[in-house]
Amino acid sequence: MEFPVRTGNPAKVESACIVIPVFKEEALLPTASRLDDASERLLAQLLERGDFDARLGNVQLIPFAPGLSSERLLLVGLGKREACQETAFRKALDAAFTALAGLPVDEAAVAFTEVPLADRDTAWKARMVAEAAQRALYRFDEFKSEKAPASRLASVTLLVNDSDDAAAAREGARIGDAVGRGINAARTLGNLPGNVCTPSYLAERAEALGEASGGALQVEVLDEEALEALGAHSLLSVGRGSEQPSRLIVMTYQGAEDADEAPHVLVGKGITFDTGGISLKPGEAMDEMKFDMCGAASVFGTVEAVLGIRPKVNLVAIVAAAENMPDGRATRPGDIIRTLKGLSVEVLNTDAEGRLVLCDALTYAERFTPASVVDIATLTGACIIALGHHATGLLANDDDLALDLLDAGEAAWDRAWHLPLWDEYQEQLDSNFADLANIGGRPAGTITAACFLARFADSFPWAHLDIAGTAWSSGKQKGASGRPVGLLTQYLLDREADAVVETEAE
């Protein structure tokens, strides 16, 4: 998709459709006002007569635009001005692009960068426009015999009032386009069924990304023989009951000017299907356990966004991929396994398997002497009870890293909430027979899961993102969300910005 930027008189813009945001019971915004003047008060009359209700997310198509060069106008309600914050802005964008995607148009122009939002600049609003466009055009229908007609929309012009803001709008749209494509890539991986998206499939996907990157992404895949030789017995124990072989996938991007600059490491949980193993899950909604690899999917999506943006940072992306199935070889409750770090773990519940693959991946990350490590996992149902489906759970052994991730989530509007990681919780993981148990009981389940991982992240700044409540939606709109690709990409962009500031200070 293309996102050109245009300044000047909007009445002279030749477009199949101009999208006009409108506040409820407020004066028209600048672009709408100029279009209203050129069309002999067409917009004002519609509002005065009550023919258009500017409640949040309401849309109305005006198929003819007399006096204007545009063929159509699409009015989009912003609701009350005092209530128009980031969430409302994004809802209006989603409504606009959902409507546009259903129109027989190849291109459109939008005037959303002029919507006033406290502390949000033109670049941010342009980025949200591009992300919304990509979200609206997303379809997952490759397994359907009859496919809905694809949208024709291929270009969205950003109308900007002030020519001084044009460069910021272009850069914001460039980043938003890449992030949106990364989000959609993560959604597709999450939505694929478990009989297609296996650990081997993820490995092949990584190799294809590397081949398409023109050398920007180096990929290494460790198979079960290599993992056995390495000593990654915890990861291997999870996939032992499956016919699908486990994999550790390592993707390396070197964008920093100093090739030796310490990389930032992302670690994704890639359980491509989770039956619970011997601790078998109940049948209800078990189909949704194909989403248990959404942490890995978000790592893939972030890598795709990074390849589109090309920030000057070094990145290592690690995916621990396995399928958790029950059979005669599967790990049993009560079994004791040895991790790559050397710690022994008593497996009290084989359905707490994500931490068993992540702990070996975190130990593997030590070899890169990382500047930071962030793991992403659909780890605990307890996180949904604590935070619902709006916020990602965040726990960390480094307060500065936690604050950086929280800031990135606010900037990307892909927010997280910081939970405690106090030493007192570690006692819940005590085992009579091993160094630690893999579960700590029902109380504070999200925190004790992170406490388990913290035992394997004691040599670097580390944070854990529990996306169990944010990675996918259930019900009629069932599907992967692509979160937290926006947060992770923004975190990396912020590290690039920090490096520039440090260089200038020197």
Protein backbone atom coordinates (compact mmCIF):
# COMPACT_ATOMS: atom_id res chain seq x y z
CA MET A 1 0.00 0.00 0.00
CA GLU A 2 1.16 3.54 -0.79
CA PHE A 3 0.75 6.54 1.52
CA PRO A 4 1.56 9.76 -0.37
CA VAL A 5 1.24 13.11 1.42
CA ARG A 6 -0.44 16.16 -0.07
CA THR A 7 -0.76 19.74 1.08
CA GLY A 8 -2.80 22.54 -0.49
CA ASN A 9 -6.47 23.07 -1.24
CA PRO A 10 -8.40 19.84 -0.52
CA ALA A 11 -11.24 20.95 -2.80
CA LYS A 12 -8.88 20.47 -5.76
CA VAL A 13 -7.78 16.98 -4.72
CA GLU A 14 -8.83 14.50 -7.40
CA SER A 15 -9.71 11.39 -5.45
CA ALA A 16 -12.21 8.56 -5.59
CA CYS A 17 -13.11 9.41 -1.99
CA ILE A 18 -12.07 11.94 0.63
CA VAL A 19 -12.55 10.85 4.24
CA ILE A 20 -13.60 13.68 6.55
CA PRO A 21 -13.53 13.32 10.36
CA VAL A 22 -16.26 15.32 12.12
CA PHE A 23 -16.78 16.15 15.79
CA LYS A 24 -20.24 15.99 17.29
CA GLU A 25 -21.77 19.46 17.85
CA GLU A 26 -18.49 21.23 17.08
CA ALA A 27 -17.12 23.46 14.34
CA LEU A 28 -15.73 21.68 11.29
CA LEU A 29 -12.03 20.93 11.20
CA PRO A 30 -9.92 22.89 8.65
CA THR A 31 -10.13 20.45 5.72
CA ALA A 32 -13.84 19.87 6.23
CA SER A 33 -14.40 23.62 6.45
CA ARG A 34 -12.64 24.27 3.14
CA LEU A 35 -14.59 21.47 1.46
CA ASP A 36 -17.78 22.87 2.94
CA ASP A 37 -17.06 26.32 1.47
CA ALA A 38 -16.30 24.85 -1.96
CA SER A 39 -19.49 22.72 -1.95
CA GLU A 40 -21.85 25.54 -0.92
CA ARG A 41 -22.20 24.38 2.69
CA LEU A 42 -22.99 20.77 1.86
CA LEU A 43 -21.44 19.44 5.06
CA ALA A 44 -22.88 22.13 7.32
CA GLN A 45 -26.38 21.52 5.99
CA LEU A 46 -26.11 17.76 6.57
CA LEU A 47 -25.11 18.38 10.17
CA GLU A 48 -27.66 21.14 10.79
CA ARG A 49 -30.53 18.98 9.50
CA GLY A 50 -29.36 15.99 11.52
CA ASP A 51 -28.74 13.91 8.39
CA PHE A 52 -25.39 12.83 9.83
CA ASP A 53 -24.84 11.92 13.45
CA ALA A 54 -21.15 12.41 14.31
CA ARG A 55 -21.17 9.85 17.11
CA LEU A 56 -17.93 7.95 17.42
CA GLY A 57 -17.39 5.49 14.58
CA ASN A 58 -20.52 6.41 12.62
CA VAL A 59 -19.86 6.73 8.88
CA GLN A 60 -21.88 8.10 6.00
CA LEU A 61 -21.04 8.08 2.33
CA ILE A 62 -21.93 11.08 0.17
CA PRO A 63 -21.79 9.62 -3.34
CA PHE A 64 -21.65 12.98 -5.11
CA ALA A 65 -19.58 16.01 -4.17
CA PRO A 66 -20.70 19.07 -6.15
CA GLY A 67 -18.05 21.76 -6.43
CA LEU A 68 -15.26 19.37 -5.43
CA SER A 69 -12.72 17.42 -7.47
CA SER A 70 -13.36 14.32 -5.38
CA GLU A 71 -15.94 11.80 -6.58
CA ARG A 72 -17.20 10.95 -3.08
CA LEU A 73 -17.02 12.08 0.52
CA LEU A 74 -17.03 9.77 3.52
CA LEU A 75 -17.97 11.40 6.82
CA VAL A 76 -16.64 9.74 9.97
CA GLY A 77 -17.87 10.63 13.46
CA LEU A 78 -15.32 11.45 16.16
CA GLY A 79 -17.89 11.86 18.93
CA LYS A 80 -17.54 14.59 21.54
CA ARG A 81 -14.36 16.62 21.19
CA GLU A 82 -13.52 16.45 24.89
CA ALA A 83 -13.71 12.64 24.76
CA CYS A 84 -11.54 12.26 21.66
CA GLN A 85 -8.38 10.59 22.87
CA GLU A 86 -6.18 7.87 21.37
CA THR A 87 -8.69 5.03 21.68
CA ALA A 88 -11.49 7.08 20.10
CA PHE A 89 -9.15 8.24 17.32
CA ARG A 90 -8.23 4.66 16.47
CA LYS A 91 -11.89 3.56 16.56
CA ALA A 92 -12.76 6.29 14.10
CA LEU A 93 -9.89 5.23 11.85
CA ASP A 94 -10.99 1.59 11.95
CA ALA A 95 -14.55 2.59 11.05
CA ALA A 96 -13.31 4.73 8.18
CA PHE A 97 -11.07 2.09 6.65
CA THR A 98 -13.59 -0.69 7.13
CA ALA A 99 -15.99 1.41 5.07
CA LEU A 100 -13.33 2.26 2.49
CA ALA A 101 -12.37 -1.39 2.11
CA GLY A 102 -15.92 -2.13 1.00
CA LEU A 103 -16.06 0.61 -1.63
CA PRO A 104 -15.15 0.13 -5.29
CA VAL A 105 -12.20 2.53 -5.05
CA ASP A 106 -8.50 2.08 -5.76
CA GLU A 107 -7.39 5.12 -3.80
CA ALA A 108 -8.66 7.58 -1.23
CA ALA A 109 -7.54 10.65 0.69
CA VAL A 110 -7.93 11.12 4.45
CA ALA A 111 -7.79 14.19 6.69
CA PHE A 112 -7.06 12.58 10.04
CA THR A 113 -3.72 14.21 10.78
CA GLU A 114 -5.53 17.44 11.72
CA VAL A 115 -7.63 15.83 14.47
CA PRO A 116 -6.44 17.47 17.72
CA LEU A 117 -4.99 14.98 20.20
CA ALA A 118 -3.09 16.05 23.29
CA ASP A 119 0.62 15.17 23.09
CA ARG A 120 0.26 13.43 19.72
CA ASP A 121 1.99 14.92 16.70
CA THR A 122 1.45 14.58 12.97
CA ALA A 123 3.88 11.67 12.68
CA TRP A 124 1.98 9.67 15.31
CA LYS A 125 -1.38 10.29 13.67
CA ALA A 126 0.00 9.40 10.24
CA ARG A 127 1.41 6.18 11.67
CA MET A 128 -2.00 5.28 13.11
CA VAL A 129 -3.62 5.97 9.73
CA ALA A 130 -1.27 3.55 7.97
CA GLU A 131 -1.68 0.87 10.64
CA ALA A 132 -5.46 1.17 10.47
CA ALA A 133 -5.41 0.82 6.70
CA GLN A 134 -3.40 -2.38 6.94
CA ARG A 135 -5.67 -3.77 9.67
CA ALA A 136 -8.81 -3.08 7.65
CA LEU A 137 -7.49 -4.76 4.51
CA TYR A 138 -6.40 -7.92 6.32
CA ARG A 139 -8.14 -11.12 5.31
CA PHE A 140 -7.53 -14.71 6.37
CA ASP A 141 -9.46 -16.84 3.93
CA GLU A 142 -6.88 -19.14 2.37
CA PHE A 143 -8.77 -22.21 3.56
CA LYS A 144 -12.18 -21.04 2.32
CA SER A 145 -13.51 -22.34 -0.98
CA GLU A 146 -15.45 -19.15 -1.60
CA LYS A 147 -13.47 -16.03 -0.85
CA ALA A 148 -14.92 -12.58 -0.30
CA PRO A 149 -13.86 -10.04 -2.94
CA ALA A 150 -10.57 -8.41 -1.97
CA SER A 151 -10.53 -4.68 -1.42
CA ARG A 152 -9.22 -2.62 -4.33
CA LEU A 153 -7.76 0.05 -2.07
CA ALA A 154 -4.06 0.42 -2.88
CA SER A 155 -3.22 4.05 -2.08
CA VAL A 156 -4.20 6.38 0.76
CA THR A 157 -3.22 10.04 0.47
CA LEU A 158 -2.67 11.89 3.73
CA LEU A 159 -4.03 15.43 3.51
CA VAL A 160 -1.86 17.76 5.60
CA ASN A 161 -2.73 21.39 6.26
CA ASP A 162 0.72 22.67 7.12
CA SER A 163 3.47 21.96 4.59
CA ASP A 164 5.95 21.99 7.47
CA ASP A 165 4.29 18.77 8.72
CA ALA A 166 4.58 16.91 5.41
CA ALA A 167 7.92 15.25 6.15
CA ALA A 168 6.70 14.07 9.56
CA ALA A 169 3.56 12.64 7.98
CA ARG A 170 5.62 10.73 5.40
CA GLU A 171 7.89 9.24 8.05
CA GLY A 172 4.98 8.36 10.31
CA ALA A 173 3.16 6.65 7.46
CA ARG A 174 6.31 4.77 6.46
CA ILE A 175 6.68 3.36 9.96
CA GLY A 176 2.96 2.69 10.31
CA ASP A 177 2.90 0.81 7.02
CA ALA A 178 5.77 -1.45 8.11
CA VAL A 179 4.27 -2.02 11.57
CA GLY A 180 0.87 -2.74 10.06
CA ARG A 181 2.37 -5.31 7.72
CA GLY A 182 4.23 -6.86 10.64
CA ILE A 183 1.03 -7.02 12.67
CA ASN A 184 -0.76 -8.73 9.79
CA ALA A 185 2.09 -11.22 9.37
CA ALA A 186 1.78 -12.10 13.06
CA ARG A 187 -1.99 -12.44 12.71
CA THR A 188 -1.61 -14.85 9.82
CA LEU A 189 0.85 -17.07 11.69
CA GLY A 190 -1.45 -17.08 14.70
CA ASN A 191 -4.53 -17.89 12.65
CA LEU A 192 -2.95 -20.82 10.81
CA PRO A 193 -4.15 -24.21 12.08
CA GLY A 194 -1.82 -26.44 14.04
CA ASN A 195 -1.68 -29.05 11.28
CA VAL A 196 -0.07 -26.40 9.02
CA CYS A 197 1.84 -24.15 11.38
CA THR A 198 4.23 -26.65 12.99
CA PRO A 199 7.69 -25.98 14.44
CA SER A 200 9.18 -26.99 11.10
CA TYR A 201 6.84 -24.57 9.30
CA LEU A 202 8.04 -21.73 11.53
CA ALA A 203 11.63 -22.67 10.74
CA GLU A 204 10.87 -22.61 7.03
CA ARG A 205 9.17 -19.25 7.43
CA ALA A 206 12.27 -17.84 9.09
CA GLU A 207 14.48 -19.16 6.33
CA ALA A 208 12.20 -17.60 3.72
CA LEU A 209 12.41 -14.25 5.54
CA GLY A 210 16.18 -14.48 5.50
CA GLU A 211 16.28 -15.27 1.78
CA ALA A 212 13.94 -12.36 0.97
CA SER A 213 15.88 -9.88 3.10
CA GLY A 214 18.78 -9.45 0.71
CA GLY A 215 21.27 -10.49 3.37
CA ALA A 216 19.88 -8.25 6.11
CA LEU A 217 18.62 -11.20 8.16
CA GLN A 218 20.74 -14.21 9.05
CA VAL A 219 18.88 -17.35 10.12
CA GLU A 220 20.03 -20.42 12.04
CA VAL A 221 17.75 -23.33 12.90
CA LEU A 222 18.71 -25.83 15.59
CA ASP A 223 17.04 -29.21 15.10
CA GLU A 224 16.47 -31.81 17.82
CA GLU A 225 19.89 -33.39 17.33
CA ALA A 226 21.57 -30.00 17.78
CA LEU A 227 19.37 -29.21 20.79
CA GLU A 228 20.26 -32.55 22.39
CA ALA A 229 23.97 -31.88 21.88
CA LEU A 230 23.51 -28.38 23.29
CA GLY A 231 21.77 -29.68 26.41
CA ALA A 232 18.40 -27.99 25.86
CA HIS A 233 16.56 -30.84 27.55
CA SER A 234 13.79 -28.65 28.93
CA LEU A 235 12.72 -27.46 25.49
CA LEU A 236 12.96 -30.99 24.12
CA SER A 237 10.89 -32.40 26.98
CA VAL A 238 7.84 -30.41 25.85
CA GLY A 239 7.81 -31.79 22.32
CA ARG A 240 8.72 -35.35 23.23
CA GLY A 241 5.13 -36.58 22.95
CA SER A 242 4.62 -35.10 19.48
CA GLU A 243 5.34 -36.44 16.02
CA GLN A 244 6.40 -32.90 15.12
CA PRO A 245 10.10 -32.24 15.91
CA SER A 246 10.98 -29.23 18.05
CA ARG A 247 13.10 -26.35 16.78
CA LEU A 248 15.06 -23.39 18.13
CA ILE A 249 15.02 -20.63 15.52
CA VAL A 250 17.53 -17.77 15.65
CA MET A 251 17.18 -14.71 13.39
CA THR A 252 19.90 -12.02 13.48
CA TYR A 253 19.59 -8.47 12.13
CA GLN A 254 22.57 -6.14 12.32
CA GLY A 255 21.49 -2.59 11.61
CA ALA A 256 23.69 -0.65 14.03
CA GLU A 257 26.67 1.20 12.60
CA ASP A 258 28.83 -0.70 15.08
CA ALA A 259 28.48 -4.38 14.26
CA ASP A 260 29.74 -5.24 17.76
CA GLU A 261 27.07 -3.17 19.52
CA ALA A 262 25.24 -5.32 22.05
CA PRO A 263 22.00 -6.60 20.49
CA HIS A 264 18.49 -6.48 21.85
CA VAL A 265 17.02 -9.97 22.00
CA LEU A 266 13.39 -10.97 21.54
CA VAL A 267 12.37 -14.47 22.62
CA GLY A 268 9.04 -15.89 21.49
CA LYS A 269 7.10 -18.83 22.86
CA GLY A 270 6.23 -21.01 19.86
CA ILE A 271 3.97 -23.80 21.12
CA THR A 272 2.26 -24.47 17.81
CA PHE A 273 -0.47 -26.47 19.51
CA ASP A 274 -1.00 -27.05 23.21
CA THR A 275 -3.12 -29.96 24.35
CA GLY A 276 -1.69 -29.60 27.84
CA GLY A 277 0.22 -32.85 27.35
CA ILE A 278 -0.47 -35.51 29.98
CA SER A 279 -2.15 -32.77 32.06
CA LEU A 280 -4.75 -32.66 29.30
CA LYS A 281 -6.82 -29.53 28.85
CA PRO A 282 -10.64 -29.70 28.78
CA GLY A 283 -12.11 -29.93 25.29
CA GLU A 284 -13.96 -26.61 25.35
CA ALA A 285 -12.13 -23.99 23.27
CA MET A 286 -9.11 -26.25 22.85
CA ASP A 287 -9.09 -25.27 19.18
CA GLU A 288 -7.84 -21.87 20.35
CA MET A 289 -4.62 -23.50 21.53
CA LYS A 290 -3.30 -23.01 18.01
CA PHE A 291 -2.82 -19.42 19.27
CA ASP A 292 -0.30 -20.61 21.86
CA MET A 293 2.46 -19.65 19.46
CA CYS A 294 1.39 -16.01 19.24
CA GLY A 295 4.48 -14.95 21.18
CA ALA A 296 6.56 -16.45 18.39
CA ALA A 297 4.21 -14.89 15.83
CA SER A 298 4.79 -11.45 17.35
CA VAL A 299 8.55 -11.96 17.11
CA PHE A 300 8.19 -12.86 13.43
CA GLY A 301 5.94 -9.84 12.90
CA THR A 302 8.43 -7.55 14.61
CA VAL A 303 11.24 -8.91 12.45
CA GLU A 304 9.15 -8.15 9.35
CA ALA A 305 8.49 -4.62 10.62
CA VAL A 306 12.19 -4.12 11.31
CA LEU A 307 13.09 -5.30 7.83
CA GLY A 308 10.63 -2.75 6.45
CA ILE A 309 11.91 0.14 8.58
CA ARG A 310 15.62 -0.80 8.81
CA PRO A 311 16.40 0.89 12.15
CA LYS A 312 20.03 1.24 13.22
CA VAL A 313 19.93 -1.38 15.97
CA ASN A 314 21.20 -4.91 16.36
CA LEU A 315 18.50 -7.49 16.96
CA VAL A 316 18.47 -11.20 17.72
CA ALA A 317 15.07 -12.91 17.50
CA ILE A 318 14.79 -16.36 19.07
CA VAL A 319 11.77 -18.65 18.72
CA ALA A 320 11.45 -21.75 20.88
CA ALA A 321 9.07 -23.97 18.88
CA ALA A 322 7.44 -27.21 19.98
CA GLU A 323 4.10 -29.01 19.98
CA ASN A 324 2.76 -30.21 23.34
CA MET A 325 1.03 -33.58 22.84
CA PRO A 326 0.32 -36.64 25.02
CA ASP A 327 1.67 -40.06 24.09
CA GLY A 328 3.84 -42.78 25.58
CA ARG A 329 7.00 -40.67 25.29
CA ALA A 330 5.47 -37.48 26.71
CA THR A 331 6.77 -35.87 29.88
CA ARG A 332 4.76 -36.94 32.93
CA PRO A 333 3.77 -34.91 36.01
CA GLY A 334 6.47 -35.60 38.57
CA ASP A 335 9.25 -36.01 36.00
CA ILE A 336 12.46 -34.08 36.66
CA ILE A 337 14.28 -32.54 33.72
CA ARG A 338 17.62 -30.77 33.37
CA THR A 339 17.65 -27.35 31.71
CA LEU A 340 20.31 -25.83 29.47
CA LYS A 341 21.35 -23.65 32.41
CA GLY A 342 21.95 -26.77 34.52
CA LEU A 343 19.05 -26.28 36.93
CA SER A 344 16.73 -29.22 37.52
CA VAL A 345 12.96 -28.72 37.25
CA GLU A 346 10.20 -30.88 38.72
CA VAL A 347 7.34 -30.85 36.23
CA LEU A 348 4.21 -30.75 38.37
CA ASN A 349 1.93 -29.84 35.45
CA THR A 350 2.76 -30.50 31.82
CA ASP A 351 0.33 -27.75 30.81
CA ALA A 352 2.81 -25.22 32.20
CA GLU A 353 5.02 -25.94 29.22
CA GLY A 354 5.71 -22.47 27.83
CA ARG A 355 8.17 -21.65 30.59
CA LEU A 356 9.97 -24.93 29.90
CA VAL A 357 10.79 -23.95 26.32
CA LEU A 358 11.47 -20.31 27.19
CA CYS A 359 13.94 -21.08 29.96
CA ASP A 360 16.31 -22.82 27.54
CA ALA A 361 15.85 -20.04 24.98
CA LEU A 362 16.70 -17.44 27.64
CA THR A 363 19.85 -19.36 28.56
CA TYR A 364 20.76 -19.54 24.87
CA ALA A 365 20.40 -15.74 24.67
CA GLU A 366 23.32 -15.30 27.11
CA ARG A 367 25.82 -16.05 24.35
CA PHE A 368 24.92 -12.79 22.59
CA THR A 369 25.85 -10.64 25.64
CA PRO A 370 22.60 -8.74 25.08
CA ALA A 371 21.78 -5.14 25.95
CA SER A 372 18.28 -6.36 26.83
CA VAL A 373 16.12 -9.46 26.51
CA VAL A 374 12.34 -9.44 26.19
CA ASP A 375 10.37 -12.67 26.04
CA ILE A 376 6.81 -12.75 24.74
CA ALA A 377 4.42 -15.55 25.59
CA THR A 378 0.79 -16.57 25.94
CA LEU A 379 1.85 -17.87 29.31
CA THR A 380 -0.92 -17.80 31.92
CA GLY A 381 -4.68 -17.70 32.11
CA ALA A 382 -4.13 -15.86 35.38
CA CYS A 383 -3.03 -12.82 33.36
CA ILE A 384 -6.49 -12.68 31.77
CA ILE A 385 -8.10 -12.75 35.21
CA ALA A 386 -5.80 -9.94 36.38
CA LEU A 387 -5.85 -7.62 33.36
CA GLY A 388 -8.58 -8.83 31.02
CA HIS A 389 -8.01 -8.45 27.30
CA HIS A 390 -6.82 -4.85 27.16
CA ALA A 391 -3.37 -4.77 28.74
CA THR A 392 -0.39 -7.06 28.32
CA GLY A 393 1.22 -8.19 31.57
CA LEU A 394 4.77 -6.90 32.08
CA LEU A 395 7.29 -8.18 34.62
CA ALA A 396 11.02 -7.40 34.66
CA ASN A 397 14.23 -7.68 36.63
CA ASP A 398 15.24 -4.18 35.54
CA ASP A 399 13.09 -1.13 36.27
CA ASP A 400 14.59 0.97 33.46
CA LEU A 401 13.77 -1.74 30.93
CA ALA A 402 10.24 -2.02 32.31
CA LEU A 403 9.75 1.75 31.97
CA ASP A 404 11.11 1.69 28.41
CA LEU A 405 8.61 -1.00 27.46
CA LEU A 406 5.74 0.82 29.15
CA ASP A 407 6.67 4.00 27.27
CA ALA A 408 6.87 2.09 24.00
CA GLY A 409 3.44 0.61 24.64
CA GLU A 410 1.98 4.07 25.24
CA ALA A 411 3.62 5.45 22.09
CA ALA A 412 2.39 2.56 19.94
CA TRP A 413 -0.96 2.44 21.77
CA ASP A 414 -0.25 -1.23 22.44
CA ARG A 415 -0.18 -0.94 26.20
CA ALA A 416 1.18 -3.07 29.02
CA TRP A 417 0.83 -3.01 32.81
CA HIS A 418 3.70 -3.54 35.23
CA LEU A 419 3.27 -6.32 37.81
CA PRO A 420 5.64 -7.01 40.74
CA LEU A 421 8.44 -9.56 40.64
CA TRP A 422 9.35 -9.70 44.33
CA ASP A 423 11.63 -12.35 45.79
CA GLU A 424 8.88 -13.43 48.17
CA TYR A 425 6.99 -15.02 45.29
CA GLN A 426 9.94 -17.29 44.46
CA GLU A 427 9.17 -19.44 47.50
CA GLN A 428 6.07 -20.76 45.72
CA LEU A 429 8.37 -22.56 43.26
CA ASP A 430 10.19 -24.58 45.92
CA SER A 431 10.43 -28.30 45.20
CA ASN A 432 11.27 -31.18 47.53
CA PHE A 433 13.02 -33.04 44.73
CA ALA A 434 14.54 -30.53 42.28
CA ASP A 435 15.98 -27.02 42.14
CA LEU A 436 12.54 -25.66 41.39
CA ALA A 437 9.03 -26.68 40.32
CA ASN A 438 7.44 -25.50 37.10
CA ILE A 439 4.32 -24.15 38.82
CA GLY A 440 3.71 -22.25 42.04
CA GLY A 441 0.02 -22.86 42.65
CA ARG A 442 -3.03 -20.72 41.85
CA PRO A 443 -2.16 -17.55 43.79
CA ALA A 444 -0.30 -14.97 41.67
CA GLY A 445 0.02 -17.43 38.78
CA THR A 446 1.26 -14.81 36.31
CA ILE A 447 3.90 -13.60 38.74
CA THR A 448 5.20 -17.04 39.71
CA ALA A 449 5.46 -17.98 36.03
CA ALA A 450 7.66 -14.93 35.53
CA CYS A 451 9.59 -15.84 38.70
CA PHE A 452 10.39 -19.18 37.07
CA LEU A 453 11.75 -17.43 33.97
CA ALA A 454 13.68 -14.93 36.09
CA ARG A 455 15.87 -17.81 37.37
CA PHE A 456 17.19 -18.11 33.80
CA ALA A 457 17.61 -14.38 33.13
CA ASP A 458 19.97 -13.35 35.91
CA SER A 459 22.85 -12.25 33.67
CA PHE A 460 21.13 -9.52 31.61
CA PRO A 461 18.32 -6.92 31.77
CA TRP A 462 15.19 -8.95 31.10
CA ALA A 463 11.47 -8.41 30.78
CA HIS A 464 8.57 -10.79 30.24
CA LEU A 465 5.39 -9.91 28.35
CA ASP A 466 2.43 -12.16 29.11
CA ILE A 467 0.07 -11.78 26.15
CA ALA A 468 -2.44 -14.48 27.09
CA GLY A 469 -5.21 -11.88 27.21
CA THR A 470 -4.16 -9.74 24.24
CA ALA A 471 -2.85 -12.13 21.58
CA TRP A 472 -6.21 -13.18 20.18
CA SER A 473 -9.97 -12.69 20.41
CA SER A 474 -12.57 -15.39 20.95
CA GLY A 475 -16.20 -15.54 19.89
CA LYS A 476 -17.63 -14.29 16.62
CA GLN A 477 -14.53 -12.22 15.85
CA LYS A 478 -12.14 -15.05 16.71
CA GLY A 479 -8.63 -14.40 15.44
CA ALA A 480 -5.12 -13.34 16.30
CA SER A 481 -4.56 -9.65 17.11
CA GLY A 482 -0.91 -9.27 16.11
CA ARG A 483 -0.06 -7.75 19.49
CA PRO A 484 2.47 -6.76 20.72
CA VAL A 485 4.24 -6.11 17.40
CA GLY A 486 3.55 -2.39 17.76
CA LEU A 487 5.04 -2.23 21.25
CA LEU A 488 8.12 -4.27 20.35
CA THR A 489 8.85 -2.31 17.17
CA GLN A 490 8.49 0.97 19.04
CA TYR A 491 10.84 -0.31 21.74
CA LEU A 492 13.50 -0.97 19.11
CA LEU A 493 12.92 2.40 17.43
CA ASP A 494 13.35 4.06 20.83
CA ARG A 495 16.66 2.25 21.34
CA GLU A 496 17.80 3.60 17.96
CA ALA A 497 16.83 7.10 19.07
CA ASP A 498 18.68 6.66 22.36
CA ALA A 499 21.84 5.62 20.49
CA VAL A 500 21.65 8.76 18.34
CA VAL A 501 21.34 10.95 21.45
CA GLU A 502 24.30 9.21 23.09
CA THR A 503 26.42 9.65 19.94
CA GLU A 504 25.59 13.35 19.74
CA ALA A 505 26.42 13.77 23.43
CA GLU A 506 29.87 12.34 22.82
